[in-house]
Amino acid sequence: SLILSGSIPTEIENVSVTVRHEIPLMDFAVEHNNRIWGCRFGENNRGEFVNEIYSSKLGDPASWYCFQGISTDSYMASLGCSGEFTGAVSTGNEVLFFKENHIIRVFGSTPSDFQVTAVPARGVEKGAHRTVVNLNERIFYKNAEGIMLYDGTVPVNISSALEKGRYKARAAGGIDGRYYISMTDPDGER
């Protein structure tokens, strides 16, 4: 069924109504608490430049622009920190979006109490989005300085034994509490 706000006068015949289900352009997307969360830095569907995060309607991954003032609404927020998004991940109670020099934290349970905080911090290196892994509620990822561990406070470099900037990240994963990463050296060797 389709519910339209407003009315169409009865004396008009052959009225056309166009219905669109628009999904925003996104750089990265993750699932968290029965919503899809995404981010965009660049032109949106209308050709406007945006620096935004989005959430789909609760339980409806195809509805992104539903703003009725209820708890199941979609969500959208513009950000003040500049730069391209470099990754995203869902944790136990929040969604994290990364830029190379920021970690954007989103937490809350309904659009009316969602809170967005942009923390200046060593984020995910551009092109290293496949290294972001949530392992036992700690986030591991590749940064220009090395492998970072983020537990909700300050990211810490845990790879001081590796030469800074020498390795290019490919992909990563976690199993049995361990973080595994595939990287290449300047010669392209894994």
N, C-alpha and C. Protein backbone atom coordinates (compact mmCIF):
# COMPACT_ATOMS: atom_id res chain seq x y z
N SER A 1 0.84 -1.18 0.00
CA SER A 1 0.00 0.00 0.00
C SER A 1 0.88 1.23 0.00
N LEU A 2 0.29 2.35 -0.36
CA LEU A 2 1.00 3.62 -0.43
C LEU A 2 0.13 4.68 0.21
N ILE A 3 0.70 5.41 1.15
CA ILE A 3 -0.03 6.49 1.81
C ILE A 3 0.60 7.80 1.38
N LEU A 4 -0.23 8.70 0.83
CA LEU A 4 0.24 10.00 0.40
C LEU A 4 -0.23 11.07 1.38
N SER A 5 0.67 11.99 1.73
CA SER A 5 0.28 13.13 2.56
C SER A 5 -0.31 14.17 1.64
N GLY A 6 -1.44 14.75 2.00
CA GLY A 6 -2.09 15.75 1.16
C GLY A 6 -3.26 15.12 0.44
N SER A 7 -3.85 15.91 -0.46
CA SER A 7 -5.01 15.39 -1.19
C SER A 7 -4.97 15.86 -2.64
N ILE A 8 -5.69 15.15 -3.48
CA ILE A 8 -5.82 15.50 -4.89
C ILE A 8 -7.29 15.84 -5.11
N PRO A 9 -7.57 17.05 -5.63
CA PRO A 9 -8.98 17.43 -5.85
C PRO A 9 -9.69 16.40 -6.72
N THR A 10 -10.93 16.11 -6.40
CA THR A 10 -11.68 15.08 -7.12
C THR A 10 -12.06 15.48 -8.52
N GLU A 11 -12.12 16.80 -8.83
CA GLU A 11 -12.53 17.20 -10.16
C GLU A 11 -11.41 17.07 -11.21
N ILE A 12 -10.16 16.80 -10.78
CA ILE A 12 -9.07 16.63 -11.74
C ILE A 12 -9.00 15.17 -12.15
N GLU A 13 -8.93 14.94 -13.45
CA GLU A 13 -8.84 13.58 -13.96
C GLU A 13 -7.43 13.30 -14.47
N ASN A 14 -7.08 12.04 -14.56
CA ASN A 14 -5.80 11.58 -15.08
C ASN A 14 -4.61 12.23 -14.38
N VAL A 15 -4.64 12.22 -13.08
CA VAL A 15 -3.55 12.77 -12.29
C VAL A 15 -2.45 11.73 -12.20
N SER A 16 -1.23 12.16 -12.47
CA SER A 16 -0.08 11.25 -12.35
C SER A 16 0.65 11.51 -11.05
N VAL A 17 1.04 10.46 -10.40
CA VAL A 17 1.83 10.55 -9.18
C VAL A 17 3.09 9.72 -9.39
N THR A 18 4.24 10.34 -9.15
CA THR A 18 5.51 9.62 -9.27
C THR A 18 6.02 9.28 -7.88
N VAL A 19 6.36 8.03 -7.67
CA VAL A 19 6.87 7.57 -6.39
C VAL A 19 8.28 7.06 -6.60
N ARG A 20 9.22 7.57 -5.79
CA ARG A 20 10.61 7.14 -5.88
C ARG A 20 11.09 6.64 -4.53
N HIS A 21 11.92 5.66 -4.57
CA HIS A 21 12.57 5.13 -3.37
C HIS A 21 14.05 5.40 -3.54
N GLU A 22 14.50 6.57 -3.12
CA GLU A 22 15.87 6.99 -3.35
C GLU A 22 16.79 6.48 -2.24
N ILE A 23 17.93 5.97 -2.63
CA ILE A 23 18.96 5.54 -1.70
C ILE A 23 20.16 6.45 -1.90
N PRO A 24 20.69 7.04 -0.83
CA PRO A 24 21.80 7.97 -1.01
C PRO A 24 23.06 7.27 -1.51
N LEU A 25 23.89 8.02 -2.25
CA LEU A 25 25.20 7.51 -2.62
C LEU A 25 26.01 7.38 -1.34
N MET A 26 26.75 6.29 -1.20
CA MET A 26 27.52 6.07 0.02
C MET A 26 28.92 5.60 -0.31
N ASP A 27 29.88 6.06 0.48
CA ASP A 27 31.25 5.60 0.34
C ASP A 27 31.44 4.25 1.05
N PHE A 28 30.84 4.12 2.23
CA PHE A 28 30.91 2.89 3.02
C PHE A 28 29.57 2.68 3.71
N ALA A 29 29.22 1.43 3.97
CA ALA A 29 27.98 1.12 4.67
C ALA A 29 28.19 -0.08 5.59
N VAL A 30 27.52 -0.05 6.74
CA VAL A 30 27.57 -1.16 7.70
C VAL A 30 26.18 -1.34 8.30
N GLU A 31 25.92 -2.50 8.86
CA GLU A 31 24.66 -2.78 9.55
C GLU A 31 24.90 -2.62 11.04
N HIS A 32 23.94 -1.98 11.72
CA HIS A 32 24.03 -1.83 13.17
C HIS A 32 22.62 -1.67 13.73
N ASN A 33 22.26 -2.54 14.66
CA ASN A 33 20.95 -2.49 15.34
C ASN A 33 19.78 -2.38 14.37
N ASN A 34 19.76 -3.23 13.36
CA ASN A 34 18.66 -3.35 12.40
C ASN A 34 18.48 -2.09 11.53
N ARG A 35 19.58 -1.36 11.35
CA ARG A 35 19.62 -0.23 10.44
C ARG A 35 20.87 -0.36 9.58
N ILE A 36 20.82 0.18 8.36
CA ILE A 36 22.02 0.31 7.55
C ILE A 36 22.53 1.73 7.76
N TRP A 37 23.81 1.85 8.06
CA TRP A 37 24.46 3.15 8.24
C TRP A 37 25.44 3.37 7.11
N GLY A 38 25.50 4.58 6.61
CA GLY A 38 26.42 4.89 5.52
C GLY A 38 26.97 6.30 5.64
N CYS A 39 27.95 6.60 4.79
CA CYS A 39 28.58 7.91 4.81
C CYS A 39 28.91 8.35 3.39
N ARG A 40 29.00 9.66 3.20
CA ARG A 40 29.32 10.21 1.88
C ARG A 40 30.07 11.52 2.02
N PHE A 41 31.21 11.61 1.31
CA PHE A 41 31.96 12.86 1.16
C PHE A 41 32.13 13.05 -0.33
N GLY A 42 31.38 13.99 -0.89
CA GLY A 42 31.40 14.22 -2.33
C GLY A 42 30.01 14.55 -2.81
N GLU A 43 29.79 14.43 -4.11
CA GLU A 43 28.48 14.77 -4.66
C GLU A 43 27.44 13.71 -4.32
N ASN A 44 26.24 14.17 -3.99
CA ASN A 44 25.14 13.25 -3.71
C ASN A 44 24.35 13.00 -4.99
N ASN A 45 23.20 12.36 -4.88
CA ASN A 45 22.36 12.03 -6.05
C ASN A 45 21.90 13.27 -6.81
N ARG A 46 21.81 14.40 -6.13
CA ARG A 46 21.34 15.64 -6.76
C ARG A 46 22.48 16.51 -7.27
N GLY A 47 23.72 16.04 -7.14
CA GLY A 47 24.88 16.80 -7.59
C GLY A 47 25.37 17.83 -6.59
N GLU A 48 24.85 17.79 -5.36
CA GLU A 48 25.27 18.71 -4.30
C GLU A 48 26.44 18.09 -3.55
N PHE A 49 27.39 18.91 -3.12
CA PHE A 49 28.51 18.40 -2.34
C PHE A 49 28.06 18.20 -0.90
N VAL A 50 28.31 17.01 -0.35
CA VAL A 50 27.91 16.69 1.02
C VAL A 50 29.05 16.06 1.80
N ASN A 51 28.95 16.15 3.10
CA ASN A 51 29.85 15.50 4.04
C ASN A 51 28.93 14.98 5.14
N GLU A 52 28.31 13.81 4.90
CA GLU A 52 27.19 13.36 5.73
C GLU A 52 27.28 11.89 6.12
N ILE A 53 26.55 11.58 7.18
CA ILE A 53 26.30 10.19 7.55
C ILE A 53 24.80 9.97 7.47
N TYR A 54 24.41 8.72 7.20
CA TYR A 54 23.01 8.38 7.00
C TYR A 54 22.67 7.11 7.76
N SER A 55 21.39 6.97 8.07
CA SER A 55 20.88 5.71 8.60
C SER A 55 19.55 5.43 7.91
N SER A 56 19.34 4.18 7.57
CA SER A 56 18.05 3.80 7.01
C SER A 56 17.00 3.77 8.11
N LYS A 57 15.78 3.68 7.70
CA LYS A 57 14.67 3.52 8.64
C LYS A 57 14.86 2.19 9.38
N LEU A 58 14.46 2.13 10.63
CA LEU A 58 14.60 0.92 11.43
C LEU A 58 13.90 -0.26 10.75
N GLY A 59 14.63 -1.31 10.46
CA GLY A 59 14.06 -2.52 9.87
C GLY A 59 13.72 -2.42 8.40
N ASP A 60 14.04 -1.30 7.75
CA ASP A 60 13.72 -1.11 6.34
C ASP A 60 14.94 -0.54 5.60
N PRO A 61 15.80 -1.41 5.10
CA PRO A 61 17.05 -0.96 4.47
C PRO A 61 16.85 -0.19 3.17
N ALA A 62 15.62 -0.09 2.67
CA ALA A 62 15.37 0.65 1.43
C ALA A 62 14.81 2.04 1.69
N SER A 63 14.50 2.38 2.94
CA SER A 63 13.92 3.70 3.26
C SER A 63 14.96 4.57 3.96
N TRP A 64 15.35 5.66 3.29
CA TRP A 64 16.41 6.53 3.79
C TRP A 64 15.96 7.96 4.05
N TYR A 65 14.79 8.33 3.60
CA TYR A 65 14.33 9.72 3.76
C TYR A 65 12.96 9.75 4.41
N CYS A 66 12.80 8.99 5.49
CA CYS A 66 11.54 8.94 6.22
C CYS A 66 11.74 9.70 7.53
N PHE A 67 11.17 10.91 7.61
CA PHE A 67 11.35 11.78 8.77
C PHE A 67 9.98 12.19 9.30
N GLN A 68 9.37 11.31 10.10
CA GLN A 68 8.04 11.55 10.65
C GLN A 68 8.06 11.91 12.12
N GLY A 69 9.26 11.98 12.72
CA GLY A 69 9.35 12.30 14.14
C GLY A 69 9.09 11.13 15.05
N ILE A 70 9.27 9.90 14.55
CA ILE A 70 9.06 8.71 15.38
C ILE A 70 10.36 7.92 15.51
N SER A 71 10.38 6.95 16.39
CA SER A 71 11.62 6.23 16.72
C SER A 71 12.16 5.37 15.58
N THR A 72 11.34 5.05 14.60
CA THR A 72 11.81 4.20 13.49
C THR A 72 12.30 5.01 12.30
N ASP A 73 12.33 6.34 12.41
CA ASP A 73 12.74 7.21 11.31
C ASP A 73 14.15 6.94 10.81
N SER A 74 14.41 7.41 9.61
CA SER A 74 15.77 7.46 9.06
C SER A 74 16.52 8.56 9.81
N TYR A 75 17.82 8.67 9.52
CA TYR A 75 18.64 9.69 10.18
C TYR A 75 19.66 10.21 9.19
N MET A 76 19.99 11.49 9.34
CA MET A 76 20.99 12.12 8.49
C MET A 76 21.66 13.23 9.28
N ALA A 77 22.99 13.35 9.16
CA ALA A 77 23.71 14.43 9.85
C ALA A 77 24.86 14.90 8.97
N SER A 78 25.03 16.22 8.90
CA SER A 78 26.17 16.80 8.20
C SER A 78 27.32 16.93 9.19
N LEU A 79 28.54 16.75 8.69
CA LEU A 79 29.72 16.79 9.55
C LEU A 79 30.56 18.03 9.28
N GLY A 80 31.29 18.45 10.28
CA GLY A 80 32.17 19.61 10.14
C GLY A 80 33.60 19.24 9.81
N CYS A 81 34.01 18.01 10.12
CA CYS A 81 35.39 17.60 9.84
C CYS A 81 35.52 17.24 8.36
N SER A 82 36.52 17.82 7.71
CA SER A 82 36.68 17.64 6.28
C SER A 82 37.47 16.37 5.96
N GLY A 83 37.46 16.00 4.70
CA GLY A 83 38.22 14.85 4.23
C GLY A 83 37.34 13.69 3.84
N GLU A 84 37.89 12.86 2.97
CA GLU A 84 37.17 11.68 2.50
C GLU A 84 37.02 10.66 3.61
N PHE A 85 35.93 9.90 3.54
CA PHE A 85 35.76 8.77 4.45
C PHE A 85 36.69 7.65 4.00
N THR A 86 37.26 6.94 4.96
CA THR A 86 38.21 5.87 4.64
C THR A 86 37.79 4.51 5.17
N GLY A 87 36.68 4.44 5.89
CA GLY A 87 36.20 3.15 6.38
C GLY A 87 35.05 3.32 7.35
N ALA A 88 34.44 2.20 7.72
CA ALA A 88 33.34 2.19 8.69
C ALA A 88 33.28 0.82 9.34
N VAL A 89 32.76 0.79 10.57
CA VAL A 89 32.62 -0.46 11.30
C VAL A 89 31.54 -0.30 12.36
N SER A 90 30.87 -1.40 12.67
CA SER A 90 29.88 -1.44 13.73
C SER A 90 30.50 -2.09 14.95
N THR A 91 30.26 -1.50 16.12
CA THR A 91 30.73 -2.10 17.37
C THR A 91 29.50 -2.40 18.22
N GLY A 92 29.71 -2.84 19.44
CA GLY A 92 28.59 -3.22 20.30
C GLY A 92 27.54 -2.16 20.49
N ASN A 93 27.96 -0.91 20.75
CA ASN A 93 26.97 0.12 21.04
C ASN A 93 27.10 1.36 20.17
N GLU A 94 27.92 1.31 19.14
CA GLU A 94 28.09 2.48 18.28
C GLU A 94 28.56 2.09 16.88
N VAL A 95 28.44 3.06 15.98
CA VAL A 95 28.96 2.92 14.63
C VAL A 95 30.12 3.89 14.51
N LEU A 96 31.21 3.43 13.91
CA LEU A 96 32.38 4.28 13.71
C LEU A 96 32.58 4.51 12.22
N PHE A 97 32.80 5.77 11.86
CA PHE A 97 33.18 6.14 10.51
C PHE A 97 34.57 6.74 10.61
N PHE A 98 35.42 6.42 9.64
CA PHE A 98 36.80 6.88 9.69
C PHE A 98 37.13 7.83 8.55
N LYS A 99 37.97 8.79 8.86
CA LYS A 99 38.68 9.61 7.89
C LYS A 99 40.14 9.44 8.29
N GLU A 100 41.07 9.85 7.47
CA GLU A 100 42.47 9.62 7.83
C GLU A 100 42.86 10.29 9.14
N ASN A 101 42.22 11.41 9.47
CA ASN A 101 42.58 12.15 10.68
C ASN A 101 41.43 12.32 11.66
N HIS A 102 40.38 11.53 11.50
CA HIS A 102 39.24 11.61 12.41
C HIS A 102 38.57 10.25 12.58
N ILE A 103 37.99 10.06 13.75
CA ILE A 103 37.10 8.94 14.01
C ILE A 103 35.76 9.56 14.38
N ILE A 104 34.72 9.23 13.62
CA ILE A 104 33.39 9.76 13.88
C ILE A 104 32.60 8.68 14.59
N ARG A 105 32.16 8.97 15.80
CA ARG A 105 31.42 8.02 16.63
C ARG A 105 29.94 8.39 16.62
N VAL A 106 29.08 7.40 16.38
CA VAL A 106 27.64 7.60 16.41
C VAL A 106 27.05 6.60 17.38
N PHE A 107 26.34 7.11 18.38
CA PHE A 107 25.71 6.20 19.33
C PHE A 107 24.34 6.74 19.74
N GLY A 108 23.53 5.87 20.28
CA GLY A 108 22.15 6.17 20.64
C GLY A 108 21.25 5.08 20.09
N SER A 109 19.97 5.12 20.49
CA SER A 109 19.06 4.05 20.07
C SER A 109 17.96 4.52 19.13
N THR A 110 17.65 5.81 19.13
CA THR A 110 16.62 6.35 18.23
C THR A 110 17.13 7.66 17.64
N PRO A 111 16.59 8.07 16.49
CA PRO A 111 17.05 9.32 15.89
C PRO A 111 17.01 10.53 16.84
N SER A 112 16.06 10.57 17.74
CA SER A 112 15.98 11.72 18.65
C SER A 112 17.13 11.75 19.66
N ASP A 113 17.78 10.60 19.91
CA ASP A 113 18.91 10.63 20.84
C ASP A 113 20.23 10.18 20.23
N PHE A 114 20.29 10.05 18.88
CA PHE A 114 21.58 9.76 18.25
C PHE A 114 22.54 10.91 18.53
N GLN A 115 23.77 10.58 18.87
CA GLN A 115 24.81 11.57 19.10
C GLN A 115 25.97 11.28 18.17
N VAL A 116 26.50 12.33 17.55
CA VAL A 116 27.61 12.20 16.62
C VAL A 116 28.78 13.02 17.17
N THR A 117 29.93 12.36 17.30
CA THR A 117 31.13 13.04 17.79
C THR A 117 32.27 12.75 16.82
N ALA A 118 32.91 13.82 16.34
CA ALA A 118 34.08 13.67 15.47
C ALA A 118 35.32 13.91 16.33
N VAL A 119 36.13 12.88 16.50
CA VAL A 119 37.32 12.95 17.35
C VAL A 119 38.56 13.05 16.46
N PRO A 120 39.35 14.11 16.61
CA PRO A 120 40.61 14.16 15.86
C PRO A 120 41.52 13.03 16.34
N ALA A 121 41.81 12.10 15.47
CA ALA A 121 42.61 10.92 15.84
C ALA A 121 43.16 10.27 14.58
N ARG A 122 44.12 9.38 14.76
CA ARG A 122 44.69 8.65 13.63
C ARG A 122 43.68 7.62 13.14
N GLY A 123 43.05 7.93 12.02
CA GLY A 123 42.03 7.06 11.46
C GLY A 123 42.60 6.06 10.47
N VAL A 124 41.73 5.50 9.67
CA VAL A 124 42.11 4.49 8.69
C VAL A 124 42.79 5.17 7.50
N GLU A 125 43.88 4.59 7.07
CA GLU A 125 44.60 5.09 5.90
C GLU A 125 43.73 4.95 4.66
N LYS A 126 43.81 5.94 3.76
CA LYS A 126 43.04 5.88 2.52
C LYS A 126 43.42 4.62 1.75
N GLY A 127 42.42 3.87 1.32
CA GLY A 127 42.64 2.62 0.60
C GLY A 127 42.78 1.39 1.48
N ALA A 128 42.73 1.58 2.80
CA ALA A 128 42.92 0.45 3.73
C ALA A 128 41.61 0.04 4.41
N HIS A 129 40.47 0.35 3.80
CA HIS A 129 39.17 0.05 4.43
C HIS A 129 38.95 -1.43 4.68
N ARG A 130 39.62 -2.31 3.92
CA ARG A 130 39.44 -3.75 4.15
C ARG A 130 40.26 -4.27 5.32
N THR A 131 40.99 -3.39 5.99
CA THR A 131 41.77 -3.81 7.17
C THR A 131 41.03 -3.54 8.47
N VAL A 132 39.87 -2.88 8.40
CA VAL A 132 39.11 -2.55 9.61
C VAL A 132 38.40 -3.81 10.10
N VAL A 133 38.74 -4.22 11.32
CA VAL A 133 38.18 -5.45 11.89
C VAL A 133 37.75 -5.19 13.34
N ASN A 134 36.54 -5.59 13.67
CA ASN A 134 36.04 -5.55 15.04
C ASN A 134 36.35 -6.92 15.64
N LEU A 135 37.26 -6.94 16.57
CA LEU A 135 37.69 -8.19 17.19
C LEU A 135 37.56 -8.04 18.71
N ASN A 136 36.60 -8.73 19.29
CA ASN A 136 36.35 -8.66 20.73
C ASN A 136 36.12 -7.23 21.20
N GLU A 137 35.29 -6.49 20.45
CA GLU A 137 34.93 -5.10 20.75
C GLU A 137 36.14 -4.15 20.76
N ARG A 138 37.20 -4.54 20.10
CA ARG A 138 38.34 -3.65 19.86
C ARG A 138 38.51 -3.57 18.35
N ILE A 139 38.80 -2.39 17.85
CA ILE A 139 38.88 -2.16 16.42
C ILE A 139 40.35 -2.09 16.00
N PHE A 140 40.70 -2.91 15.03
CA PHE A 140 42.05 -2.92 14.45
C PHE A 140 41.96 -2.37 13.03
N TYR A 141 42.98 -1.64 12.60
CA TYR A 141 43.01 -1.12 11.24
C TYR A 141 44.41 -0.62 10.88
N LYS A 142 44.62 -0.44 9.59
CA LYS A 142 45.90 0.06 9.08
C LYS A 142 45.81 1.58 8.95
N ASN A 143 46.82 2.24 9.49
CA ASN A 143 46.98 3.69 9.42
C ASN A 143 48.33 3.94 8.75
N ALA A 144 48.59 5.16 8.33
CA ALA A 144 49.88 5.48 7.70
C ALA A 144 51.05 5.16 8.62
N GLU A 145 50.82 5.18 9.94
CA GLU A 145 51.88 4.88 10.90
C GLU A 145 52.05 3.40 11.17
N GLY A 146 51.06 2.60 10.86
CA GLY A 146 51.13 1.17 11.13
C GLY A 146 49.76 0.61 11.46
N ILE A 147 49.75 -0.48 12.22
CA ILE A 147 48.51 -1.12 12.64
C ILE A 147 48.05 -0.47 13.94
N MET A 148 46.78 -0.05 13.95
CA MET A 148 46.24 0.66 15.10
C MET A 148 45.23 -0.22 15.84
N LEU A 149 45.16 -0.01 17.15
CA LEU A 149 44.16 -0.64 18.01
C LEU A 149 43.35 0.49 18.63
N TYR A 150 42.03 0.43 18.46
CA TYR A 150 41.15 1.44 19.01
C TYR A 150 40.12 0.75 19.89
N ASP A 151 40.11 1.14 21.17
CA ASP A 151 39.17 0.54 22.13
C ASP A 151 38.14 1.54 22.64
N GLY A 152 37.99 2.67 21.94
CA GLY A 152 37.03 3.68 22.36
C GLY A 152 37.68 4.88 23.01
N THR A 153 38.97 4.80 23.25
CA THR A 153 39.67 5.94 23.87
C THR A 153 40.55 6.62 22.82
N VAL A 154 41.81 6.26 22.76
CA VAL A 154 42.76 6.83 21.81
C VAL A 154 43.38 5.69 21.00
N PRO A 155 43.46 5.80 19.67
CA PRO A 155 44.09 4.74 18.88
C PRO A 155 45.57 4.60 19.26
N VAL A 156 46.01 3.35 19.37
CA VAL A 156 47.39 3.06 19.75
C VAL A 156 48.04 2.25 18.64
N ASN A 157 49.26 2.64 18.27
CA ASN A 157 50.03 1.90 17.27
C ASN A 157 50.56 0.64 17.93
N ILE A 158 50.18 -0.52 17.40
CA ILE A 158 50.63 -1.79 17.98
C ILE A 158 51.63 -2.50 17.08
N SER A 159 52.15 -1.78 16.08
CA SER A 159 53.06 -2.41 15.13
C SER A 159 54.38 -1.67 15.01
N SER A 160 54.93 -1.27 16.14
CA SER A 160 56.17 -0.50 16.11
C SER A 160 57.33 -1.28 15.48
N ALA A 161 57.22 -2.59 15.43
CA ALA A 161 58.28 -3.40 14.81
C ALA A 161 58.29 -3.27 13.29
N LEU A 162 57.18 -2.81 12.71
CA LEU A 162 57.12 -2.62 11.26
C LEU A 162 57.60 -1.22 10.90
N GLU A 163 58.30 -1.11 9.77
CA GLU A 163 58.77 0.20 9.34
C GLU A 163 57.59 1.06 8.92
N LYS A 164 57.54 2.28 9.45
CA LYS A 164 56.44 3.23 9.16
C LYS A 164 56.35 3.50 7.66
N GLY A 165 55.13 3.33 7.13
CA GLY A 165 54.89 3.66 5.73
C GLY A 165 55.45 2.69 4.71
N ARG A 166 56.10 1.63 5.13
CA ARG A 166 56.75 0.71 4.19
C ARG A 166 55.75 -0.24 3.54
N TYR A 167 54.72 -0.62 4.25
CA TYR A 167 53.80 -1.64 3.77
C TYR A 167 52.47 -1.05 3.34
N LYS A 168 51.92 -1.61 2.27
CA LYS A 168 50.61 -1.21 1.77
C LYS A 168 49.61 -2.30 2.16
N ALA A 169 48.50 -1.87 2.76
CA ALA A 169 47.51 -2.81 3.25
C ALA A 169 46.70 -3.42 2.13
N ARG A 170 46.36 -4.67 2.26
CA ARG A 170 45.50 -5.37 1.30
C ARG A 170 44.15 -5.69 1.94
N ALA A 171 44.15 -6.54 2.94
CA ALA A 171 42.93 -6.95 3.63
C ALA A 171 43.31 -7.54 4.98
N ALA A 172 42.31 -7.67 5.85
CA ALA A 172 42.57 -8.22 7.18
C ALA A 172 41.34 -8.97 7.67
N GLY A 173 41.54 -9.72 8.73
CA GLY A 173 40.46 -10.47 9.36
C GLY A 173 40.87 -10.87 10.76
N GLY A 174 39.94 -11.42 11.49
CA GLY A 174 40.24 -11.85 12.85
C GLY A 174 39.64 -13.20 13.13
N ILE A 175 40.37 -14.00 13.91
CA ILE A 175 39.87 -15.31 14.34
C ILE A 175 40.56 -15.68 15.65
N ASP A 176 39.81 -16.28 16.53
CA ASP A 176 40.32 -16.72 17.83
C ASP A 176 41.06 -15.59 18.57
N GLY A 177 40.53 -14.37 18.48
CA GLY A 177 41.13 -13.26 19.21
C GLY A 177 42.38 -12.69 18.58
N ARG A 178 42.72 -13.13 17.39
CA ARG A 178 43.95 -12.64 16.72
C ARG A 178 43.59 -11.88 15.45
N TYR A 179 44.35 -10.84 15.18
CA TYR A 179 44.18 -10.00 13.99
C TYR A 179 45.20 -10.44 12.96
N TYR A 180 44.74 -10.74 11.76
CA TYR A 180 45.61 -11.14 10.65
C TYR A 180 45.47 -10.11 9.54
N ILE A 181 46.61 -9.68 8.99
CA ILE A 181 46.58 -8.68 7.93
C ILE A 181 47.50 -9.10 6.79
N SER A 182 47.05 -8.84 5.58
CA SER A 182 47.86 -9.09 4.38
C SER A 182 48.32 -7.73 3.86
N MET A 183 49.64 -7.59 3.68
CA MET A 183 50.21 -6.34 3.18
C MET A 183 51.28 -6.66 2.14
N THR A 184 51.64 -5.65 1.37
CA THR A 184 52.73 -5.80 0.40
C THR A 184 53.81 -4.78 0.69
N ASP A 185 55.05 -5.14 0.36
CA ASP A 185 56.17 -4.22 0.54
C ASP A 185 56.33 -3.38 -0.73
N PRO A 186 57.29 -2.46 -0.78
CA PRO A 186 57.45 -1.61 -1.96
C PRO A 186 57.70 -2.37 -3.27
N ASP A 187 58.17 -3.62 -3.19
CA ASP A 187 58.40 -4.43 -4.38
C ASP A 187 57.17 -5.23 -4.79
N GLY A 188 56.08 -5.09 -4.05
CA GLY A 188 54.85 -5.80 -4.34
C GLY A 188 54.81 -7.20 -3.74
N GLU A 189 55.79 -7.54 -2.94
CA GLU A 189 55.82 -8.86 -2.30
C GLU A 189 54.92 -8.86 -1.07
N ARG A 190 54.16 -9.96 -0.93
CA ARG A 190 53.27 -10.07 0.24
C ARG A 190 54.04 -10.53 1.45
